[in-house]
Protein backbone atom coordinates (compact mmCIF):
# COMPACT_ATOMS: atom_id res chain seq x y z
CA MET A 1 51.49 262.99 88.73
CA LYS A 2 54.50 260.48 89.51
CA MET A 3 53.04 256.85 90.47
CA GLU A 4 54.26 255.39 93.65
CA ASN A 5 55.76 251.99 93.09
CA LYS A 6 54.16 249.53 95.56
CA HIS A 7 55.64 246.45 96.57
CA TYR A 8 53.48 243.56 97.24
CA ASN A 9 54.28 240.25 99.26
CA MET A 10 53.13 237.95 96.62
CA LYS A 11 54.17 234.18 96.52
CA PRO A 12 53.65 231.51 93.83
CA ALA A 13 51.51 228.40 94.43
CA GLU A 14 53.19 225.89 96.63
CA ARG A 15 53.05 223.21 93.84
CA LEU A 16 55.94 225.39 91.75
CA GLY A 17 58.20 224.10 94.61
CA THR A 18 57.70 220.57 93.43
CA VAL A 19 58.92 221.35 89.88
CA ASN A 20 61.82 223.12 87.96
CA GLU A 21 61.79 224.57 84.80
CA TYR A 22 61.63 221.95 81.95
CA TYR A 23 65.47 220.96 81.05
CA PHE A 24 65.00 221.75 77.43
CA SER A 25 63.34 224.99 78.16
CA ARG A 26 66.11 226.21 80.35
CA LYS A 27 69.00 224.79 78.15
CA GLY A 28 67.45 226.26 75.20
CA LYS A 29 67.91 229.65 76.42
CA GLU A 30 71.51 229.00 76.84
CA ILE A 31 71.86 227.63 73.47
CA ALA A 32 70.04 230.49 71.92
CA GLU A 33 72.58 233.03 73.63
CA MET A 34 75.35 230.92 72.37
CA ASN A 35 73.96 231.06 68.94
CA ALA A 36 73.73 234.93 69.15
CA ARG A 37 77.38 234.97 69.74
CA GLY A 38 77.71 233.30 66.53
CA LEU A 39 79.09 229.84 67.94
CA ASP A 40 76.60 227.87 65.74
CA ILE A 41 75.58 225.13 68.11
CA ILE A 42 74.42 221.79 66.25
CA SER A 43 71.51 220.49 68.40
CA LEU A 44 71.48 216.64 68.73
CA ALA A 45 69.18 216.83 71.74
CA ILE A 46 65.51 217.31 70.84
CA GLY A 47 63.38 214.72 69.09
CA SER A 48 61.47 217.25 66.75
CA PRO A 49 61.46 215.61 63.36
CA ASP A 50 63.07 218.10 60.95
CA MET A 51 61.29 216.81 57.57
CA PRO A 52 57.77 217.89 56.43
CA PRO A 53 54.55 216.07 56.67
CA SER A 54 53.57 214.44 53.39
CA GLN A 55 52.50 216.87 50.43
CA GLU A 56 48.88 215.81 50.74
CA THR A 57 48.80 216.54 54.50
CA ILE A 58 49.95 220.09 53.81
CA ASP A 59 47.69 220.67 50.81
CA THR A 60 44.58 219.68 52.71
CA LEU A 61 45.53 222.05 55.49
CA CYS A 62 45.90 224.97 52.80
CA ARG A 63 42.92 224.15 50.82
CA GLU A 64 40.57 223.93 54.15
CA ALA A 65 42.06 226.89 55.71
CA ARG A 66 41.08 229.10 52.79
CA LYS A 67 37.39 228.25 53.22
CA ALA A 68 35.33 230.97 54.98
CA ASP A 69 33.20 228.91 57.20
CA THR A 70 36.00 226.64 58.79
CA HIS A 71 37.36 229.20 61.55
CA GLY A 72 34.92 228.55 64.18
CA TYR A 73 35.24 226.83 67.55
CA GLN A 74 35.45 223.08 67.18
CA PRO A 75 33.98 220.27 69.57
CA THR A 76 36.35 218.94 72.20
CA VAL A 77 35.75 215.48 71.24
CA GLY A 78 37.38 216.11 67.74
CA ILE A 79 35.50 216.09 64.22
CA PRO A 80 34.08 212.78 62.99
CA GLU A 81 36.45 212.62 60.17
CA LEU A 82 39.41 212.73 62.53
CA ARG A 83 38.18 210.22 64.92
CA ARG A 84 37.29 207.74 62.03
CA ALA A 85 40.78 208.39 60.49
CA MET A 86 42.27 207.35 64.06
CA ALA A 87 40.30 204.17 64.25
CA ALA A 88 41.34 203.18 60.78
CA PHE A 89 44.84 203.84 61.58
CA TYR A 90 44.79 201.52 64.47
CA LYS A 91 43.01 198.84 62.47
CA ARG A 92 45.34 199.05 59.41
CA TRP A 93 48.67 199.24 61.49
CA TYR A 94 47.94 197.29 64.83
CA GLY A 95 44.86 195.16 63.70
CA VAL A 96 42.94 196.79 66.67
CA GLU A 97 39.09 197.43 66.51
CA LEU A 98 38.19 200.78 68.06
CA ASN A 99 34.85 202.61 68.05
CA PRO A 100 35.74 206.31 66.67
CA GLU A 101 32.71 207.61 68.51
CA THR A 102 33.37 206.26 71.95
CA GLU A 103 36.91 204.82 72.43
CA ILE A 104 39.01 207.63 70.91
CA GLN A 105 40.11 211.06 72.22
CA PRO A 106 42.04 213.32 70.16
CA LEU A 107 44.78 215.36 71.97
CA ILE A 108 47.02 218.16 71.51
CA GLY A 109 49.92 215.83 72.16
CA SER A 110 50.88 213.45 74.80
CA LYS A 111 51.75 216.03 77.56
CA GLU A 112 48.31 217.25 77.32
CA GLY A 113 47.08 213.56 77.72
CA ILE A 114 49.47 212.97 80.75
CA LEU A 115 47.75 216.15 82.39
CA HIS A 116 44.01 215.10 81.55
CA VAL A 117 44.39 211.47 82.42
CA THR A 118 45.93 212.12 85.80
CA LEU A 119 43.36 214.58 86.88
CA ALA A 120 40.62 212.21 85.78
CA LEU A 121 42.02 209.22 87.48
CA VAL A 122 44.40 210.16 90.30
CA ASN A 123 43.27 212.11 93.61
CA PRO A 124 45.98 213.93 95.43
CA GLY A 125 48.10 211.72 97.78
CA GLU A 126 47.31 208.53 95.58
CA LYS A 127 50.21 206.85 93.98
CA VAL A 128 51.54 206.85 90.66
CA LEU A 129 54.21 204.15 89.23
CA VAL A 130 56.70 206.06 87.01
CA PRO A 131 59.66 204.42 85.09
CA ASN A 132 63.16 205.32 86.18
CA PRO A 133 64.27 206.31 83.48
CA GLY A 134 61.48 207.81 81.90
CA TYR A 135 59.94 210.99 80.17
CA PRO A 136 60.35 213.74 82.84
CA THR A 137 56.80 214.92 82.31
CA TYR A 138 55.32 211.85 83.89
CA THR A 139 57.02 212.90 87.09
CA SER A 140 56.56 216.74 87.00
CA LEU A 141 53.03 216.63 86.06
CA SER A 142 52.27 213.99 88.86
CA ASN A 143 54.18 216.45 91.25
CA ILE A 144 52.20 219.35 90.26
CA LEU A 145 48.91 217.62 90.73
CA GLY A 146 49.78 216.19 94.09
CA ALA A 147 50.28 212.60 93.46
CA THR A 148 52.84 210.49 94.93
CA ILE A 149 55.47 209.15 92.98
CA GLN A 150 56.77 205.57 93.20
CA ASN A 151 59.46 204.91 90.78
CA PHE A 152 60.22 201.29 89.38
CA ASP A 153 63.41 200.65 87.84
CA LEU A 154 64.27 200.13 84.21
CA LYS A 155 67.70 198.30 83.88
CA PRO A 156 69.95 197.24 80.88
CA GLU A 157 70.00 193.66 82.19
CA THR A 158 66.41 193.31 81.33
CA GLY A 159 66.38 195.17 77.91
CA TRP A 160 64.87 198.12 79.75
CA GLN A 161 61.83 196.17 80.47
CA PRO A 162 59.63 196.30 83.69
CA ASP A 163 61.11 193.95 86.43
CA PHE A 164 57.71 192.41 87.27
CA ASP A 165 59.02 190.41 90.26
CA GLU A 166 60.38 193.63 91.48
CA LEU A 167 56.98 195.43 90.74
CA GLU A 168 55.03 192.48 92.80
CA ARG A 169 57.34 193.17 95.96
CA MET A 170 56.26 196.77 95.94
CA ASP A 171 53.81 198.33 98.35
CA LEU A 172 50.98 198.77 95.67
CA SER A 173 48.45 199.96 97.96
CA GLY A 174 47.05 203.37 96.87
CA VAL A 175 48.53 203.21 93.35
CA LYS A 176 45.85 204.27 90.81
CA LEU A 177 48.16 204.65 87.43
CA MET A 178 51.26 203.30 86.04
CA TRP A 179 53.08 204.96 82.94
CA THR A 180 54.90 202.83 80.53
CA ASN A 181 56.52 203.75 77.16
CA TYR A 182 57.48 201.24 74.36
CA PRO A 183 59.24 201.44 72.35
CA ASN A 184 61.13 203.26 75.13
CA MET A 185 62.34 206.39 75.30
CA PRO A 186 65.00 207.32 76.26
CA THR A 187 66.49 203.85 76.30
CA GLY A 188 65.56 202.51 72.96
CA GLY A 189 64.23 199.40 74.58
CA LYS A 190 61.96 197.42 72.22
CA ALA A 191 58.15 196.78 72.57
CA HIS A 192 57.62 193.15 73.39
CA ARG A 193 54.25 191.42 73.09
CA GLU A 194 55.20 189.60 76.21
CA THR A 195 55.69 192.85 78.27
CA TYR A 196 52.38 193.98 77.00
CA GLU A 197 50.79 190.82 78.06
CA ARG A 198 52.34 190.94 81.68
CA LEU A 199 51.53 194.65 81.79
CA VAL A 200 47.57 193.72 81.19
CA ARG A 201 47.86 191.15 83.78
CA PHE A 202 49.65 193.30 86.29
CA ALA A 203 46.78 195.84 85.77
CA GLN A 204 44.09 193.45 86.19
CA ASP A 205 45.55 191.68 89.29
CA HIS A 206 46.24 195.18 91.00
CA ASN A 207 43.25 197.04 89.56
CA ILE A 208 45.90 199.70 88.30
CA VAL A 209 45.34 201.64 84.88
CA VAL A 210 48.41 201.23 82.67
CA VAL A 211 48.98 203.87 80.28
CA ASN A 212 51.38 202.97 77.45
CA ASP A 213 52.88 206.04 75.65
CA ASN A 214 53.40 204.67 72.17
CA PRO A 215 54.74 207.45 69.65
CA TYR A 216 57.71 205.40 68.40
CA SER A 217 56.39 202.36 66.88
CA PHE A 218 57.06 203.46 63.41
CA ILE A 219 60.65 204.67 63.91
CA LEU A 220 63.30 201.93 63.06
CA ASN A 221 61.20 199.22 64.78
CA GLY A 222 62.20 196.25 62.45
CA GLY A 223 58.86 196.57 60.74
CA GLU A 224 56.81 195.50 63.50
CA HIS A 225 53.89 197.47 65.04
CA LEU A 226 52.93 196.82 68.33
CA SER A 227 50.10 198.22 70.62
CA ILE A 228 49.33 197.32 74.30
CA LEU A 229 45.72 197.30 72.88
CA GLN A 230 46.53 193.98 70.89
CA VAL A 231 46.21 191.91 74.19
CA ASP A 232 42.80 190.61 75.10
CA GLY A 233 41.27 192.53 77.81
CA ALA A 234 43.45 195.61 77.60
CA LYS A 235 41.06 197.91 76.73
CA ASP A 236 39.25 197.37 80.36
CA PHE A 237 42.35 198.60 82.17
CA CYS A 238 44.65 200.25 79.87
CA ILE A 239 44.94 203.45 77.78
CA GLU A 240 47.25 203.95 74.95
CA PHE A 241 48.62 207.35 73.62
CA ASN A 242 49.59 207.75 70.02
CA SER A 243 51.12 210.80 68.36
CA MET A 244 51.55 212.35 64.76
CA SER A 245 54.71 214.17 66.13
CA LYS A 246 57.16 211.53 65.11
CA SER A 247 55.44 208.99 62.99
CA HIS A 248 54.05 211.66 60.46
CA ASN A 249 56.63 214.58 60.97
CA MET A 250 54.25 217.00 62.46
CA PRO A 251 55.57 217.87 66.10
CA GLY A 252 54.49 221.43 65.76
CA TRP A 253 50.79 220.61 64.66
CA ARG A 254 50.10 219.11 68.22
CA VAL A 255 47.99 216.26 67.12
CA GLY A 256 47.74 212.95 69.17
CA MET A 257 45.27 210.70 70.52
CA LEU A 258 44.37 208.34 73.21
CA ALA A 259 42.49 205.02 72.92
CA THR A 260 40.72 202.95 75.63
CA ASN A 261 37.31 201.75 76.75
CA ALA A 262 34.14 204.29 76.54
CA GLN A 263 34.05 204.96 80.47
CA PHE A 264 37.59 206.19 80.56
CA VAL A 265 37.32 208.22 77.58
CA ASP A 266 34.14 209.82 79.00
CA TRP A 267 35.76 210.51 82.27
CA ILE A 268 38.91 212.11 80.40
CA LEU A 269 36.60 214.28 78.37
CA LYS A 270 35.08 215.89 81.29
CA VAL A 271 38.49 217.26 82.37
CA LYS A 272 39.38 218.29 78.69
CA SER A 273 36.26 219.94 77.84
CA ASN A 274 36.64 222.14 80.92
CA VAL A 275 40.26 222.99 79.94
CA ASP A 276 40.51 223.65 76.09
CA SER A 277 38.46 223.63 72.92
CA GLY A 278 38.77 221.65 69.81
CA THR A 279 41.73 221.72 67.49
CA PHE A 280 41.40 224.23 64.33
CA ARG A 281 39.13 222.21 61.88
CA PRO A 282 41.53 222.33 58.94
CA MET A 283 44.33 221.03 60.98
CA GLN A 284 42.09 218.21 62.13
CA LEU A 285 41.28 217.48 58.51
CA ALA A 286 44.89 217.49 57.30
CA ALA A 287 45.59 215.12 60.11
CA ALA A 288 42.90 212.79 58.79
CA GLN A 289 44.55 212.93 55.61
CA ALA A 290 48.03 211.97 57.14
CA TYR A 291 46.83 208.97 58.39
CA LEU A 292 46.45 207.80 54.95
CA ASN A 293 49.97 208.27 54.14
CA SER A 294 51.36 205.17 52.13
CA ASP A 295 53.41 202.61 53.07
CA GLU A 296 56.00 203.97 50.87
CA TRP A 297 56.11 207.26 52.59
CA HIS A 298 56.51 205.75 56.10
CA ARG A 299 59.40 203.72 54.80
CA LYS A 300 61.20 206.72 53.37
CA ALA A 301 60.24 209.18 56.19
CA ASN A 302 60.91 206.70 59.06
CA ILE A 303 63.17 203.94 58.05
CA GLU A 304 65.52 205.08 55.32
CA THR A 305 66.21 208.69 56.68
CA TYR A 306 66.68 207.62 60.07
CA ALA A 307 68.79 204.55 59.35
CA THR A 308 71.40 206.85 57.71
CA ARG A 309 71.50 209.17 60.77
CA ARG A 310 71.52 206.36 63.11
CA LYS A 311 74.95 205.27 61.60
CA LEU A 312 76.27 208.64 62.19
CA ALA A 313 74.94 208.69 65.63
CA GLU A 314 76.77 205.40 66.47
CA GLU A 315 80.05 207.02 65.04
CA ILE A 316 79.62 209.85 67.56
CA MET A 317 78.88 207.64 70.43
CA THR A 318 81.98 205.74 69.79
CA ALA A 319 84.02 209.19 69.39
CA ILE A 320 82.86 210.32 72.82
CA GLY A 321 83.65 207.00 74.41
CA CYS A 322 80.24 205.70 74.94
CA THR A 323 79.05 202.04 74.54
CA PHE A 324 75.60 201.37 73.39
CA ASP A 325 73.16 198.62 72.45
CA PRO A 326 73.18 198.31 68.46
CA GLY A 327 69.73 196.75 68.71
CA GLN A 328 67.79 199.70 70.29
CA THR A 329 64.81 201.24 68.38
CA GLY A 330 63.22 204.60 68.09
CA LEU A 331 64.30 208.16 67.25
CA PHE A 332 67.39 208.22 69.67
CA LEU A 333 70.53 206.62 70.56
CA TRP A 334 71.06 205.91 74.15
CA GLY A 335 74.86 205.35 75.30
CA LYS A 336 76.55 204.74 78.61
CA ILE A 337 79.51 206.99 79.41
CA ASP A 338 82.88 205.56 80.35
CA ASP A 339 84.28 205.96 83.93
CA ARG A 340 86.44 208.96 83.34
CA TYR A 341 83.30 211.19 83.89
CA ALA A 342 81.57 211.20 87.19
CA GLU A 343 78.27 212.21 85.75
CA ALA A 344 76.83 212.26 82.17
CA GLU A 345 76.48 216.28 82.45
CA GLU A 346 80.14 216.59 82.78
CA LEU A 347 80.65 214.85 79.17
CA THR A 348 77.82 216.72 77.72
CA GLU A 349 78.76 220.08 78.95
CA ARG A 350 82.31 219.36 77.19
CA ILE A 351 80.71 218.40 74.15
CA LEU A 352 78.68 221.54 74.07
CA HIS A 353 81.34 224.23 74.98
CA GLU A 354 84.26 222.61 73.30
CA ALA A 355 82.78 221.13 70.21
CA ARG A 356 79.66 223.21 70.05
CA VAL A 357 77.31 220.32 69.71
CA PHE A 358 74.28 219.80 72.31
CA VAL A 359 73.40 216.22 73.19
CA THR A 360 71.19 215.37 76.27
CA PRO A 361 72.49 214.02 79.71
CA GLY A 362 70.45 210.93 80.76
CA PHE A 363 70.02 212.34 84.47
CA ILE A 364 67.13 214.51 83.19
CA PHE A 365 65.21 211.05 82.95
CA GLY A 366 65.93 209.98 86.45
CA SER A 367 68.62 208.60 88.62
CA ASN A 368 69.09 205.39 86.40
CA GLY A 369 69.99 207.72 83.46
CA ARG A 370 72.61 209.54 85.24
CA ARG A 371 75.55 207.58 83.38
CA TYR A 372 73.96 207.77 80.06
CA VAL A 373 73.75 210.32 77.19
CA ARG A 374 71.14 210.57 74.38
CA ILE A 375 71.60 211.70 70.88
CA SER A 376 68.68 212.57 68.64
CA LEU A 377 68.37 211.68 65.05
CA CYS A 378 66.32 214.80 64.33
CA ALA A 379 69.20 216.67 62.27
CA LYS A 380 70.10 216.77 58.60
CA ASP A 381 72.77 214.23 57.60
CA GLU A 382 75.26 217.08 56.80
CA LYS A 383 74.81 218.61 60.21
CA MET A 384 75.39 215.34 62.11
CA ALA A 385 78.47 214.61 59.94
CA GLU A 386 79.65 218.14 61.00
CA ALA A 387 78.85 217.38 64.43
CA LEU A 388 81.08 214.07 64.26
CA GLU A 389 83.94 216.10 62.92
CA ARG A 390 83.78 218.78 65.67
CA ILE A 391 83.72 215.89 68.03
CA LYS A 392 86.58 214.26 66.65
CA LYS A 393 88.73 217.28 66.79
CA VAL A 394 88.09 217.47 70.57
CA PHE A 395 88.16 213.90 71.62
C-alpha cells in the first residue's frame, strides 16, 4: 500500500534565529566541493596542528586501549590520574598551585567549557562582556543561551589589550561574565602580567567572573608562560581554560581543562554531569602522559616548527599587500588589508578562487576584524611555500 506523504508545519526553536552555521563549517563544504573538482585548495585557515602528539602519548593510548577492562563509562569529573597531571602541569609551567580534587575540571575542549560556564553562571537576559575581535563561539553560545552580548573593543593602538578606562565607562549593571583570551586569538596580542592584574581588579571591583581562554601560551611566546591564576586573588573571581589541542598537538582528542575555585567547579560540574559522561579512560591516561612531555619536545613542536612557518606566513602577508605586527604571538599571523579592498572577504575570496589558497577573513571575529585577514601556521612547510608561489603568480 502506498504511503501518503504528510506535510507538517514544524519550526525550529527560536534560538536558531540568533546564530548562523559556523563559518568554517559552511566554508569547509565549499572547499570540499572545490577539492572534489580537482582544484587542490591549500588551507591556511584553521588552527588545527598537523603534527602528531609525542610518541609516549600515542603508545599510552594504544597500550591502555588493548586492556579488556578499560572501556566502560568514566566519571564526569575525570580520573584522578588526569586531574593530578593537570595540576602538575600548572605547577611546572605557570608556578600555580591547584588542588586536583576540587579546583580542576577536565573538558572536551574549550567550546564545551564556554557552554557549561555560561549555563552555570549566566541567566537569560544577563550580560556577557565579549571581546571584539574575539573567538566567535563566545558570541554564538551566549546568543543561543539567551544572554545579552556587550562587546568591548580590542584595538591595535593598545596592542589588542582591553581598554580599562573604556570598560569603566560602560553600563556594567547586569554583567555576570567577561571573556578574555591571552595570548590573543585572532590578533596575536601578547599576554601581559599587567593585563592580568587589571582584569583581576576589574572582576573584584564589579563582581564579574572573568574567564581567560589560554590555549596559546606555548606557541611562539618568547619563552614566557603566563596565566591569569598567577595573580593573587584571581581564583576567587577568575576561571582559566587550557587546552591540549595546540600545545600538545592533540586537537582531535578533545582534551582540555578549566581551573578555578572549588565553588565554581562544583557549579560547572552540575551542568556538565547532566550533559555528558567522562572521556574514554585510555585517552585520559594518554593525556596525563602528554603533560609529562619534555622541554625539548615543546621546543621542537611549539617553537622551531612554527618559527619556520611564521617566516613563510609573513612572506604571504607581504605578497597580498597586508601589514602586520612582527611581534605578535601564537599559532596565526594577523594582517591588515590595504585600501584597495572594501572588506577582507573581498581579498580572501580572490585568494581562494584565483590562487586556490584558503585564508580567514577577519570579519568572522567581529566588526573590529573586518579589515584584517588571518593566516594559520598549521600546514607543512612545503604547502606554505607552494601557497606563497601560487599567491605571487596572482598578485
